[in-house]
Each structure stands twice: as C-alpha cells, then as structure tokens.
Amino acid sequence: MALTLQTRLKANPDVLVTELTDEDGRPEAVLLNLATHQYFSLNASGIPVWHTCQAQGPLADAVSALTARFEVSQEHAEASVLRMAEALTAAALAGPVEDAQA
C-alpha cells in the first residue's frame, strides 16, 4: 500500500509509549513493541507523526503540526512525514485504518 498524506494510520495496540525529555529539555519518546520486544525512539519531529497515528488522523495532520512547530518547508515536512509513516508501518508500530465503508 502506497502511503499518501490522506492515509490514516493507527497505532498498534501492542506498542507502549513513554514520552520524556532529553538532557537538553527536548521532547523524545520511546516505543516498545510488546509483540516483537523491539525498542524504538522518536525525536521531537517524530512525535507529532506518532500522535497523528494515535488519533487515527490523516498524515496531513502531522505535516501541519511539523510546519507549525518547526521552521521547515511544506515539501520537506511532507517528505519527512511519509518516510516516518513508512518506517512505522515497516516496524509494525502502526498500520492503516481500515475504511469502515469498504
């Protein structure tokens, strides 16, 4: 499945998340996939993508969050969000929301 900015992902329920700050006060998150026993970390720009997955919103929402919070172009934010979404799905941390009307 090709991901687009209209794609909605949902967080895998087997993933535990802890959000914290690093030694410089920047937000970060640690994800643990209980099924695979693998840990993952997200930096400040990855967290909005994860929050969008938790809310099952379109990936465009994560782009909006990134451009509002960071000095980044729309094009760069779009490419970054799509790369992150592909990484989340490849690691089984998130998957597509099934269309209820299908």
C-alpha atoms as a PDB file:
ATOM      1  CA  MET A   1       0.000   0.000   0.000  1.00  0.00           C
ATOM      2  CA  ALA A   2       1.397   3.352  -1.030  1.00  0.00           C
ATOM      3  CA  LEU A   3       1.109   5.947   1.698  1.00  0.00           C
ATOM      4  CA  THR A   4      -0.194   9.420   0.908  1.00  0.00           C
ATOM      5  CA  LEU A   5      -0.936  12.455   3.032  1.00  0.00           C
ATOM      6  CA  GLN A   6      -4.570  11.324   3.123  1.00  0.00           C
ATOM      7  CA  THR A   7      -3.604   7.932   4.579  1.00  0.00           C
ATOM      8  CA  ARG A   8      -4.754   7.360   8.134  1.00  0.00           C
ATOM      9  CA  LEU A   9      -2.639   5.101  10.314  1.00  0.00           C
ATOM     10  CA  LYS A  10      -3.494   3.672  13.699  1.00  0.00           C
ATOM     11  CA  ALA A  11      -1.038   2.901  16.429  1.00  0.00           C
ATOM     12  CA  ASN A  12      -0.503  -0.799  17.074  1.00  0.00           C
ATOM     13  CA  PRO A  13      -2.180  -1.626  20.420  1.00  0.00           C
ATOM     14  CA  ASP A  14       0.830  -3.805  21.303  1.00  0.00           C
ATOM     15  CA  VAL A  15       3.055  -0.719  21.447  1.00  0.00           C
ATOM     16  CA  LEU A  16       3.778   1.011  24.744  1.00  0.00           C
ATOM     17  CA  VAL A  17       4.947   4.622  24.613  1.00  0.00           C
ATOM     18  CA  THR A  18       6.782   6.774  27.120  1.00  0.00           C
ATOM     19  CA  GLU A  19       7.325  10.443  26.384  1.00  0.00           C
ATOM     20  CA  LEU A  20      10.135  12.250  28.171  1.00  0.00           C
ATOM     21  CA  THR A  21      12.717  14.960  27.642  1.00  0.00           C
ATOM     22  CA  ASP A  22      16.389  14.568  26.891  1.00  0.00           C
ATOM     23  CA  GLU A  23      19.203  16.219  28.858  1.00  0.00           C
ATOM     24  CA  ASP A  24      18.723  19.422  26.830  1.00  0.00           C
ATOM     25  CA  GLY A  25      14.983  19.584  27.540  1.00  0.00           C
ATOM     26  CA  ARG A  26      13.912  18.433  24.068  1.00  0.00           C
ATOM     27  CA  PRO A  27      10.959  16.029  23.882  1.00  0.00           C
ATOM     28  CA  GLU A  28      11.533  12.456  22.828  1.00  0.00           C
ATOM     29  CA  ALA A  29       9.574   9.228  23.005  1.00  0.00           C
ATOM     30  CA  VAL A  30      10.467   5.586  23.486  1.00  0.00           C
ATOM     31  CA  LEU A  31       8.240   2.949  21.910  1.00  0.00           C
ATOM     32  CA  LEU A  32       8.261  -0.729  22.856  1.00  0.00           C
ATOM     33  CA  ASN A  33       6.562  -3.235  20.603  1.00  0.00           C
ATOM     34  CA  LEU A  34       5.448  -5.918  23.056  1.00  0.00           C
ATOM     35  CA  ALA A  35       4.958  -8.463  20.255  1.00  0.00           C
ATOM     36  CA  THR A  36       8.483  -8.156  18.846  1.00  0.00           C
ATOM     37  CA  HIS A  37      10.281  -6.942  22.009  1.00  0.00           C
ATOM     38  CA  GLN A  38      11.920  -4.155  19.981  1.00  0.00           C
ATOM     39  CA  TYR A  39      12.505  -0.629  21.238  1.00  0.00           C
ATOM     40  CA  PHE A  40      12.313   2.459  19.051  1.00  0.00           C
ATOM     41  CA  SER A  41      12.977   6.112  19.790  1.00  0.00           C
ATOM     42  CA  LEU A  42      11.407   9.232  18.337  1.00  0.00           C
ATOM     43  CA  ASN A  43      12.816  12.730  18.406  1.00  0.00           C
ATOM     44  CA  ALA A  44      10.810  15.944  18.668  1.00  0.00           C
ATOM     45  CA  SER A  45       9.888  15.896  14.987  1.00  0.00           C
ATOM     46  CA  GLY A  46       8.793  12.250  15.068  1.00  0.00           C
ATOM     47  CA  ILE A  47       6.423  12.663  17.997  1.00  0.00           C
ATOM     48  CA  PRO A  48       3.730  14.575  16.023  1.00  0.00           C
ATOM     49  CA  VAL A  49       3.642  11.729  13.488  1.00  0.00           C
ATOM     50  CA  TRP A  50       3.107   9.243  16.305  1.00  0.00           C
ATOM     51  CA  HIS A  51       0.386  11.427  17.845  1.00  0.00           C
ATOM     52  CA  THR A  52      -1.364  11.510  14.461  1.00  0.00           C
ATOM     53  CA  CYS A  53      -1.293   7.702  14.373  1.00  0.00           C
ATOM     54  CA  GLN A  54      -2.723   7.552  17.889  1.00  0.00           C
ATOM     55  CA  ALA A  55      -5.561   9.862  16.791  1.00  0.00           C
ATOM     56  CA  GLN A  56      -6.004   7.923  13.519  1.00  0.00           C
ATOM     57  CA  GLY A  57      -5.899  11.212  11.638  1.00  0.00           C
ATOM     58  CA  PRO A  58      -4.632  11.743   8.100  1.00  0.00           C
ATOM     59  CA  LEU A  59      -0.869  12.094   7.761  1.00  0.00           C
ATOM     60  CA  ALA A  60      -1.515  15.648   6.541  1.00  0.00           C
ATOM     61  CA  ASP A  61      -2.289  16.473  10.193  1.00  0.00           C
ATOM     62  CA  ALA A  62       1.285  15.556  11.124  1.00  0.00           C
ATOM     63  CA  VAL A  63       2.595  17.797   8.337  1.00  0.00           C
ATOM     64  CA  SER A  64       0.558  20.688   9.746  1.00  0.00           C
ATOM     65  CA  ALA A  65       1.918  20.017  13.236  1.00  0.00           C
ATOM     66  CA  LEU A  66       5.509  19.986  11.978  1.00  0.00           C
ATOM     67  CA  THR A  67       5.220  23.181   9.949  1.00  0.00           C
ATOM     68  CA  ALA A  68       3.549  24.947  12.886  1.00  0.00           C
ATOM     69  CA  ARG A  69       6.223  23.880  15.372  1.00  0.00           C
ATOM     70  CA  PHE A  70       9.435  23.921  13.336  1.00  0.00           C
ATOM     71  CA  GLU A  71      10.958  26.142  10.679  1.00  0.00           C
ATOM     72  CA  VAL A  72      10.549  23.640   7.851  1.00  0.00           C
ATOM     73  CA  SER A  73       9.117  23.909   4.355  1.00  0.00           C
ATOM     74  CA  GLN A  74       5.842  22.229   3.478  1.00  0.00           C
ATOM     75  CA  GLU A  75       7.633  19.980   0.972  1.00  0.00           C
ATOM     76  CA  HIS A  76      10.285  18.896   3.477  1.00  0.00           C
ATOM     77  CA  ALA A  77       7.641  18.201   6.144  1.00  0.00           C
ATOM     78  CA  GLU A  78       5.569  16.147   3.704  1.00  0.00           C
ATOM     79  CA  ALA A  79       8.547  14.028   2.665  1.00  0.00           C
ATOM     80  CA  SER A  80       9.630  13.542   6.288  1.00  0.00           C
ATOM     81  CA  VAL A  81       6.157  12.502   7.437  1.00  0.00           C
ATOM     82  CA  LEU A  82       5.772   9.990   4.619  1.00  0.00           C
ATOM     83  CA  ARG A  83       9.230   8.497   5.370  1.00  0.00           C
ATOM     84  CA  MET A  84       8.386   8.262   9.069  1.00  0.00           C
ATOM     85  CA  ALA A  85       4.996   6.693   8.344  1.00  0.00           C
ATOM     86  CA  GLU A  86       6.650   4.084   6.131  1.00  0.00           C
ATOM     87  CA  ALA A  87       9.151   3.303   8.892  1.00  0.00           C
ATOM     88  CA  LEU A  88       6.361   2.971  11.475  1.00  0.00           C
ATOM     89  CA  THR A  89       4.421   0.564   9.285  1.00  0.00           C
ATOM     90  CA  ALA A  90       7.533  -1.445   8.347  1.00  0.00           C
ATOM     91  CA  ALA A  91       8.315  -1.897  12.061  1.00  0.00           C
ATOM     92  CA  ALA A  92       4.689  -2.909  12.801  1.00  0.00           C
ATOM     93  CA  LEU A  93       4.289   0.080  15.125  1.00  0.00           C
ATOM     94  CA  ALA A  94       1.322   1.360  13.118  1.00  0.00           C
ATOM     95  CA  GLY A  95      -0.931   0.136  10.342  1.00  0.00           C
ATOM     96  CA  PRO A  96      -3.566   1.511   8.016  1.00  0.00           C
ATOM     97  CA  VAL A  97      -7.003   2.357   9.366  1.00  0.00           C
ATOM     98  CA  GLU A  98      -9.499   0.069   7.693  1.00  0.00           C
ATOM     99  CA  ASP A  99     -12.161   2.025   5.822  1.00  0.00           C
ATOM    100  CA  ALA A 100     -15.440   1.363   7.641  1.00  0.00           C
ATOM    101  CA  GLN A 101     -17.346   1.965   4.390  1.00  0.00           C
ATOM    102  CA  ALA A 102     -15.459  -0.684   2.408  1.00  0.00           C
END
